């Protein structure tokens, strides 16, 4: 599943469908290691924020 930065669902596909999208040039692989780390760090930062609800 791929979602936008706001969490809206953009695409749900099986591994076979993703492979077909790559073959058709509709999807490109992002191999930079920093992307996963950056996403996980954003989640950790969000969870570490103090809650504003009391």
Protein backbone atom coordinates (compact mmCIF):
# COMPACT_ATOMS: atom_id res chain seq x y z
CA UNK A 1 0.00 0.00 0.00
CA UNK A 2 1.24 3.45 -0.87
CA UNK A 3 -0.14 6.52 0.88
CA UNK A 4 0.34 10.26 0.51
CA UNK A 5 2.03 12.33 3.19
CA UNK A 6 -1.41 12.96 4.68
CA UNK A 7 -2.25 9.27 4.82
CA UNK A 8 -4.61 9.14 1.83
CA UNK A 9 -4.44 5.76 0.07
CA UNK A 10 -2.86 6.07 -3.36
CA UNK A 11 -2.35 2.47 -4.43
CA UNK A 12 -2.81 -1.08 -3.14
CA UNK A 13 -1.04 -3.72 -5.24
CA UNK A 14 0.32 -7.25 -4.98
CA UNK A 15 3.98 -7.99 -5.64
CA UNK A 16 3.02 -9.28 -9.11
CA UNK A 17 1.15 -6.06 -9.87
CA UNK A 18 4.11 -3.98 -8.68
CA UNK A 19 6.46 -5.98 -10.93
CA UNK A 20 4.14 -5.34 -13.89
CA UNK A 21 4.08 -1.61 -13.10
CA UNK A 22 7.89 -1.56 -13.08
CA UNK A 23 8.01 -3.35 -16.46
CA UNK A 24 5.52 -0.83 -17.91
CA UNK A 25 7.50 2.12 -16.55
CA UNK A 26 4.66 3.20 -14.27
CA UNK A 27 6.70 2.65 -11.11
CA UNK A 28 10.36 3.12 -10.37
CA UNK A 29 12.31 1.63 -7.54
CA UNK A 30 13.82 3.98 -4.98
CA UNK A 31 16.99 2.35 -3.69
CA UNK A 32 18.33 5.14 -1.51
CA UNK A 33 18.74 3.80 2.03
CA UNK A 34 17.86 7.12 3.63
CA UNK A 35 14.19 7.00 2.58
CA UNK A 36 13.24 4.22 5.02
CA UNK A 37 15.29 5.72 7.84
CA UNK A 38 13.72 9.12 7.25
CA UNK A 39 10.20 7.66 7.32
CA UNK A 40 10.86 5.74 10.53
CA UNK A 41 12.47 8.77 12.18
CA UNK A 42 9.35 10.82 11.37
CA UNK A 43 7.20 8.21 13.13
CA UNK A 44 9.49 8.19 16.19
CA UNK A 45 9.49 11.99 16.31
CA UNK A 46 5.70 12.05 16.15
CA UNK A 47 5.40 9.51 18.96
CA UNK A 48 7.92 11.41 21.12
CA UNK A 49 5.90 14.65 20.99
CA UNK A 50 4.12 15.53 24.22
CA UNK A 51 0.38 15.05 23.96
CA UNK A 52 -1.63 18.28 23.85
CA UNK A 53 -4.83 16.55 24.98
CA UNK A 54 -5.36 16.52 28.73
